[in-house]
Amino acid sequence: MAWTSPPTFTDGSVLTAAQLNLLRDDLNETAPAKATQAGRLIVTTGLNSVAERDVVSSAIATTQTTGSTSFVDLTTPGPTVTVTTGSAAILLWSALMSNSTANAKTYVDYTVSGASSRSAQDASALRFQSDSANQEARSGQVMFEGGLTPGSNTFKLQYHTNGGTGSFSDRRLTVIAL
C-alpha cells in the first residue's frame, strides 16, 4: 500500500467505510506499523514512504596474513554481512594490522555483491603504515556508500599490502542499511 492524503472532515460529517479504510491503510504505512523487530531503523524510501532496515555486524578474531599486492580474501574470508538495503548504507570496519616490512602498507576495504557490485579499492581503504617492522595498530574506517541497488547486498572485507606480509586480526564489519 501507499500512504494517501486523508480527506478534510468537517463537524457533523458522516465517515464512509472507504474513508475509514483510507485512514486504516495510512496508519499501516507509519513507522510503528512497519516496525517488526526491536533494534531496527525506520528510513524514508520515498515521498510519504518508510521501510524497516537492519544493522548487521560480523567479526573474525583470528590473526591471518597475506603478502598479496591486490585485494584478496584471507584464509577465513570476511567478515561478511548480508542485509537488505535501499540505495545507501553506512559501513564501519576495523582491524588490528601490522606488516613484516618497515614502511610497507597494509590495506582493508570492502566489496559489495548481490543486488549491487563493488570491488575493494585503495582510495577508500583503511591503511596502516609503520616505520618499523611488526609494529601493530588498531584502525577503523567509516564510509557512506550511496550508489547501491536496493535489495539484498552482501558486504565483505578484503586485504592486501604494497610489500612484506600484512597481518590482520580482530576484523570487524558493521553495516547500517538505509
C-alpha atoms as a PDB file:
ATOM      1  CA  MET A   1       0.000   0.000   0.000  1.00  0.00           C
ATOM      2  CA  ALA A   2       0.971   3.607  -0.309  1.00  0.00           C
ATOM      3  CA  TRP A   3       0.164   6.469   2.009  1.00  0.00           C
ATOM      4  CA  THR A   4      -2.636   8.701   0.701  1.00  0.00           C
ATOM      5  CA  SER A   5      -3.554  12.159   1.921  1.00  0.00           C
ATOM      6  CA  PRO A   6      -6.719  11.794   4.003  1.00  0.00           C
ATOM      7  CA  PRO A   7      -9.728  13.961   3.255  1.00  0.00           C
ATOM      8  CA  THR A   8     -10.547  17.031   5.338  1.00  0.00           C
ATOM      9  CA  PHE A   9     -13.505  16.473   7.630  1.00  0.00           C
ATOM     10  CA  THR A  10     -15.990  18.978   8.958  1.00  0.00           C
ATOM     11  CA  ASP A  11     -18.186  18.850  12.062  1.00  0.00           C
ATOM     12  CA  GLY A  12     -21.134  16.593  11.555  1.00  0.00           C
ATOM     13  CA  SER A  13     -19.566  14.688   8.645  1.00  0.00           C
ATOM     14  CA  VAL A  14     -20.505  11.054   8.451  1.00  0.00           C
ATOM     15  CA  LEU A  15     -17.482   8.901   7.683  1.00  0.00           C
ATOM     16  CA  THR A  16     -17.898   6.329   4.981  1.00  0.00           C
ATOM     17  CA  ALA A  17     -16.333   2.892   5.057  1.00  0.00           C
ATOM     18  CA  ALA A  18     -13.984   3.981   2.252  1.00  0.00           C
ATOM     19  CA  GLN A  19     -12.769   6.973   4.283  1.00  0.00           C
ATOM     20  CA  LEU A  20     -12.221   4.842   7.394  1.00  0.00           C
ATOM     21  CA  ASN A  21     -10.385   2.248   5.312  1.00  0.00           C
ATOM     22  CA  LEU A  22      -8.160   5.014   3.903  1.00  0.00           C
ATOM     23  CA  LEU A  23      -7.286   6.091   7.460  1.00  0.00           C
ATOM     24  CA  ARG A  24      -6.580   2.458   8.404  1.00  0.00           C
ATOM     25  CA  ASP A  25      -4.333   1.985   5.363  1.00  0.00           C
ATOM     26  CA  ASP A  26      -2.456   5.217   6.166  1.00  0.00           C
ATOM     27  CA  LEU A  27      -1.863   4.058   9.761  1.00  0.00           C
ATOM     28  CA  ASN A  28      -0.414   0.830   8.350  1.00  0.00           C
ATOM     29  CA  GLU A  29       2.170   2.931   6.491  1.00  0.00           C
ATOM     30  CA  THR A  30       3.531   4.629   9.647  1.00  0.00           C
ATOM     31  CA  ALA A  31       6.779   3.748  11.413  1.00  0.00           C
ATOM     32  CA  PRO A  32       5.130   1.854  14.314  1.00  0.00           C
ATOM     33  CA  ALA A  33       3.189  -0.287  11.861  1.00  0.00           C
ATOM     34  CA  LYS A  34       6.314  -1.028   9.786  1.00  0.00           C
ATOM     35  CA  ALA A  35       8.437  -1.977  12.822  1.00  0.00           C
ATOM     36  CA  THR A  36       8.546  -5.766  13.086  1.00  0.00           C
ATOM     37  CA  GLN A  37      11.606  -6.245  15.330  1.00  0.00           C
ATOM     38  CA  ALA A  38      13.333  -4.332  18.105  1.00  0.00           C
ATOM     39  CA  GLY A  39      16.677  -2.684  17.307  1.00  0.00           C
ATOM     40  CA  ARG A  40      15.968  -1.828  13.696  1.00  0.00           C
ATOM     41  CA  LEU A  41      15.826   1.543  11.961  1.00  0.00           C
ATOM     42  CA  ILE A  42      12.995   3.163  10.049  1.00  0.00           C
ATOM     43  CA  VAL A  43      14.194   5.041   6.959  1.00  0.00           C
ATOM     44  CA  THR A  44      12.383   7.003   4.295  1.00  0.00           C
ATOM     45  CA  THR A  45      12.221   5.276   0.935  1.00  0.00           C
ATOM     46  CA  GLY A  46      10.357   7.965  -0.961  1.00  0.00           C
ATOM     47  CA  LEU A  47       7.692  10.598  -0.544  1.00  0.00           C
ATOM     48  CA  ASN A  48       5.417   9.516   2.344  1.00  0.00           C
ATOM     49  CA  SER A  49       7.032   6.070   2.409  1.00  0.00           C
ATOM     50  CA  VAL A  50       9.083   4.317   5.086  1.00  0.00           C
ATOM     51  CA  ALA A  51      10.748   0.923   5.461  1.00  0.00           C
ATOM     52  CA  GLU A  52      12.390  -1.017   8.249  1.00  0.00           C
ATOM     53  CA  ARG A  53      16.155  -1.577   7.919  1.00  0.00           C
ATOM     54  CA  ASP A  54      18.680  -3.594   9.908  1.00  0.00           C
ATOM     55  CA  VAL A  55      22.087  -3.012  11.457  1.00  0.00           C
ATOM     56  CA  VAL A  56      24.260  -6.103  10.935  1.00  0.00           C
ATOM     57  CA  SER A  57      27.726  -6.864  12.327  1.00  0.00           C
ATOM     58  CA  SER A  58      30.272  -9.621  11.933  1.00  0.00           C
ATOM     59  CA  ALA A  59      33.717 -10.178  13.439  1.00  0.00           C
ATOM     60  CA  ILE A  60      36.645 -12.544  12.975  1.00  0.00           C
ATOM     61  CA  ALA A  61      39.202 -12.605  15.794  1.00  0.00           C
ATOM     62  CA  THR A  62      41.789 -14.942  14.240  1.00  0.00           C
ATOM     63  CA  THR A  63      45.096 -13.499  13.061  1.00  0.00           C
ATOM     64  CA  GLN A  64      45.707 -14.186   9.375  1.00  0.00           C
ATOM     65  CA  THR A  65      48.216 -12.891   6.838  1.00  0.00           C
ATOM     66  CA  THR A  66      48.710 -12.094   3.175  1.00  0.00           C
ATOM     67  CA  GLY A  67      51.547 -10.873   1.003  1.00  0.00           C
ATOM     68  CA  SER A  68      49.236 -10.191  -1.936  1.00  0.00           C
ATOM     69  CA  THR A  69      49.615  -6.827  -3.648  1.00  0.00           C
ATOM     70  CA  SER A  70      45.993  -6.915  -4.826  1.00  0.00           C
ATOM     71  CA  PHE A  71      42.861  -7.306  -2.710  1.00  0.00           C
ATOM     72  CA  VAL A  72      42.184 -10.914  -1.672  1.00  0.00           C
ATOM     73  CA  ASP A  73      40.289 -12.935   0.897  1.00  0.00           C
ATOM     74  CA  LEU A  74      42.287 -14.218   3.845  1.00  0.00           C
ATOM     75  CA  THR A  75      42.153 -17.901   4.851  1.00  0.00           C
ATOM     76  CA  THR A  76      38.924 -17.084   6.694  1.00  0.00           C
ATOM     77  CA  PRO A  77      37.164 -14.698   4.282  1.00  0.00           C
ATOM     78  CA  GLY A  78      35.422 -11.633   5.589  1.00  0.00           C
ATOM     79  CA  PRO A  79      33.912 -10.670   7.860  1.00  0.00           C
ATOM     80  CA  THR A  80      30.839 -10.768   5.662  1.00  0.00           C
ATOM     81  CA  VAL A  81      27.311  -9.447   6.223  1.00  0.00           C
ATOM     82  CA  THR A  82      24.233  -9.702   4.041  1.00  0.00           C
ATOM     83  CA  VAL A  83      21.477  -7.146   4.533  1.00  0.00           C
ATOM     84  CA  THR A  84      18.550  -5.666   2.617  1.00  0.00           C
ATOM     85  CA  THR A  85      19.374  -2.061   1.763  1.00  0.00           C
ATOM     86  CA  GLY A  86      17.822   0.816  -0.061  1.00  0.00           C
ATOM     87  CA  SER A  87      20.121   2.843  -2.283  1.00  0.00           C
ATOM     88  CA  ALA A  88      22.580   3.564   0.549  1.00  0.00           C
ATOM     89  CA  ALA A  89      24.310   2.123   3.605  1.00  0.00           C
ATOM     90  CA  ILE A  90      26.806   3.241   6.220  1.00  0.00           C
ATOM     91  CA  LEU A  91      29.766   0.902   6.714  1.00  0.00           C
ATOM     92  CA  LEU A  92      32.102   0.782   9.701  1.00  0.00           C
ATOM     93  CA  TRP A  93      35.112  -1.527   9.645  1.00  0.00           C
ATOM     94  CA  SER A  94      38.243  -2.026  11.692  1.00  0.00           C
ATOM     95  CA  ALA A  95      41.199  -4.351  12.125  1.00  0.00           C
ATOM     96  CA  LEU A  96      44.346  -4.794  14.160  1.00  0.00           C
ATOM     97  CA  MET A  97      47.077  -4.610  11.491  1.00  0.00           C
ATOM     98  CA  SER A  98      50.832  -4.943  11.134  1.00  0.00           C
ATOM     99  CA  ASN A  99      53.390  -5.585   8.398  1.00  0.00           C
ATOM    100  CA  SER A 100      56.611  -7.611   8.426  1.00  0.00           C
ATOM    101  CA  THR A 101      58.424  -4.870   6.498  1.00  0.00           C
ATOM    102  CA  ALA A 102      59.122  -1.364   7.781  1.00  0.00           C
ATOM    103  CA  ASN A 103      57.317   1.377   5.833  1.00  0.00           C
ATOM    104  CA  ALA A 104      55.143  -1.126   3.937  1.00  0.00           C
ATOM    105  CA  LYS A 105      51.393  -0.520   3.965  1.00  0.00           C
ATOM    106  CA  THR A 106      48.512  -2.847   4.758  1.00  0.00           C
ATOM    107  CA  TYR A 107      45.042  -2.185   3.327  1.00  0.00           C
ATOM    108  CA  VAL A 108      41.496  -3.243   4.263  1.00  0.00           C
ATOM    109  CA  ASP A 109      38.489  -2.345   2.117  1.00  0.00           C
ATOM    110  CA  TYR A 110      35.057  -3.756   1.318  1.00  0.00           C
ATOM    111  CA  THR A 111      33.376  -5.407  -1.633  1.00  0.00           C
ATOM    112  CA  VAL A 112      29.665  -5.480  -2.412  1.00  0.00           C
ATOM    113  CA  SER A 113      27.855  -8.270  -4.249  1.00  0.00           C
ATOM    114  CA  GLY A 114      24.229  -9.251  -4.744  1.00  0.00           C
ATOM    115  CA  ALA A 115      21.910  -6.506  -5.974  1.00  0.00           C
ATOM    116  CA  SER A 116      24.978  -4.221  -6.239  1.00  0.00           C
ATOM    117  CA  SER A 117      28.573  -4.763  -7.302  1.00  0.00           C
ATOM    118  CA  ARG A 118      31.699  -3.046  -5.987  1.00  0.00           C
ATOM    119  CA  SER A 119      35.335  -4.127  -5.812  1.00  0.00           C
ATOM    120  CA  ALA A 120      37.682  -3.220  -2.961  1.00  0.00           C
ATOM    121  CA  GLN A 121      39.687  -0.060  -3.721  1.00  0.00           C
ATOM    122  CA  ASP A 122      42.801   1.617  -2.342  1.00  0.00           C
ATOM    123  CA  ALA A 123      41.097   5.033  -2.460  1.00  0.00           C
ATOM    124  CA  SER A 124      38.578   4.126   0.264  1.00  0.00           C
ATOM    125  CA  ALA A 125      40.660   1.527   2.098  1.00  0.00           C
ATOM    126  CA  LEU A 126      41.698   1.600   5.695  1.00  0.00           C
ATOM    127  CA  ARG A 127      45.528   1.881   5.562  1.00  0.00           C
ATOM    128  CA  PHE A 128      48.275   1.255   8.090  1.00  0.00           C
ATOM    129  CA  GLN A 129      51.989   2.007   7.716  1.00  0.00           C
ATOM    130  CA  SER A 130      54.679   1.812  10.368  1.00  0.00           C
ATOM    131  CA  ASP A 131      58.299   2.910  10.272  1.00  0.00           C
ATOM    132  CA  SER A 132      59.302  -0.351  11.979  1.00  0.00           C
ATOM    133  CA  ALA A 133      58.556  -3.988  11.150  1.00  0.00           C
ATOM    134  CA  ASN A 134      55.791  -5.848  13.008  1.00  0.00           C
ATOM    135  CA  GLN A 135      54.507  -2.804  14.851  1.00  0.00           C
ATOM    136  CA  GLU A 136      50.741  -3.056  15.087  1.00  0.00           C
ATOM    137  CA  ALA A 137      47.832  -0.683  15.444  1.00  0.00           C
ATOM    138  CA  ARG A 138      44.060  -0.890  15.500  1.00  0.00           C
ATOM    139  CA  SER A 139      42.424   1.340  12.927  1.00  0.00           C
ATOM    140  CA  GLY A 140      38.880   1.925  11.803  1.00  0.00           C
ATOM    141  CA  GLN A 141      37.029   3.488   8.903  1.00  0.00           C
ATOM    142  CA  VAL A 142      33.510   4.812   8.277  1.00  0.00           C
ATOM    143  CA  MET A 143      32.080   5.143   4.775  1.00  0.00           C
ATOM    144  CA  PHE A 144      28.753   6.262   3.334  1.00  0.00           C
ATOM    145  CA  GLU A 145      28.024   4.081   0.309  1.00  0.00           C
ATOM    146  CA  GLY A 146      25.366   5.868  -1.729  1.00  0.00           C
ATOM    147  CA  GLY A 147      25.425   4.006  -5.040  1.00  0.00           C
ATOM    148  CA  LEU A 148      23.683   0.779  -4.086  1.00  0.00           C
ATOM    149  CA  THR A 149      20.950  -1.001  -5.960  1.00  0.00           C
ATOM    150  CA  PRO A 150      18.114  -1.625  -3.470  1.00  0.00           C
ATOM    151  CA  GLY A 151      17.761  -5.253  -2.435  1.00  0.00           C
ATOM    152  CA  SER A 152      19.868  -7.933  -0.775  1.00  0.00           C
ATOM    153  CA  ASN A 153      23.503  -6.806  -0.699  1.00  0.00           C
ATOM    154  CA  THR A 154      26.497  -8.691   0.702  1.00  0.00           C
ATOM    155  CA  PHE A 155      29.415  -6.696   2.106  1.00  0.00           C
ATOM    156  CA  LYS A 156      32.796  -8.372   2.677  1.00  0.00           C
ATOM    157  CA  LEU A 157      36.221  -7.141   3.770  1.00  0.00           C
ATOM    158  CA  GLN A 158      39.315  -7.893   1.667  1.00  0.00           C
ATOM    159  CA  TYR A 159      43.023  -7.258   2.257  1.00  0.00           C
ATOM    160  CA  HIS A 160      46.382  -6.532   0.604  1.00  0.00           C
ATOM    161  CA  THR A 161      49.800  -4.958   1.128  1.00  0.00           C
ATOM    162  CA  ASN A 162      52.195  -2.961  -1.008  1.00  0.00           C
ATOM    163  CA  GLY A 163      55.103  -5.096   0.231  1.00  0.00           C
ATOM    164  CA  GLY A 164      56.004  -7.504   3.007  1.00  0.00           C
ATOM    165  CA  THR A 165      53.446  -9.666   4.759  1.00  0.00           C
ATOM    166  CA  GLY A 166      50.398  -7.983   6.227  1.00  0.00           C
ATOM    167  CA  SER A 167      48.879  -9.396   9.401  1.00  0.00           C
ATOM    168  CA  PHE A 168      45.217  -8.789  10.236  1.00  0.00           C
ATOM    169  CA  SER A 169      43.271  -9.735  13.368  1.00  0.00           C
ATOM    170  CA  ASP A 170      40.157  -8.722  15.270  1.00  0.00           C
ATOM    171  CA  ARG A 171      38.483  -7.804  11.965  1.00  0.00           C
ATOM    172  CA  ARG A 172      35.055  -6.202  12.330  1.00  0.00           C
ATOM    173  CA  LEU A 173      32.408  -5.029   9.868  1.00  0.00           C
ATOM    174  CA  THR A 174      29.105  -3.287  10.660  1.00  0.00           C
ATOM    175  CA  VAL A 175      26.586  -2.245   8.002  1.00  0.00           C
ATOM    176  CA  ILE A 176      23.736   0.158   8.709  1.00  0.00           C
ATOM    177  CA  ALA A 177      21.231  -0.358   5.912  1.00  0.00           C
ATOM    178  CA  LEU A 178      19.475   2.792   4.733  1.00  0.00           C
END
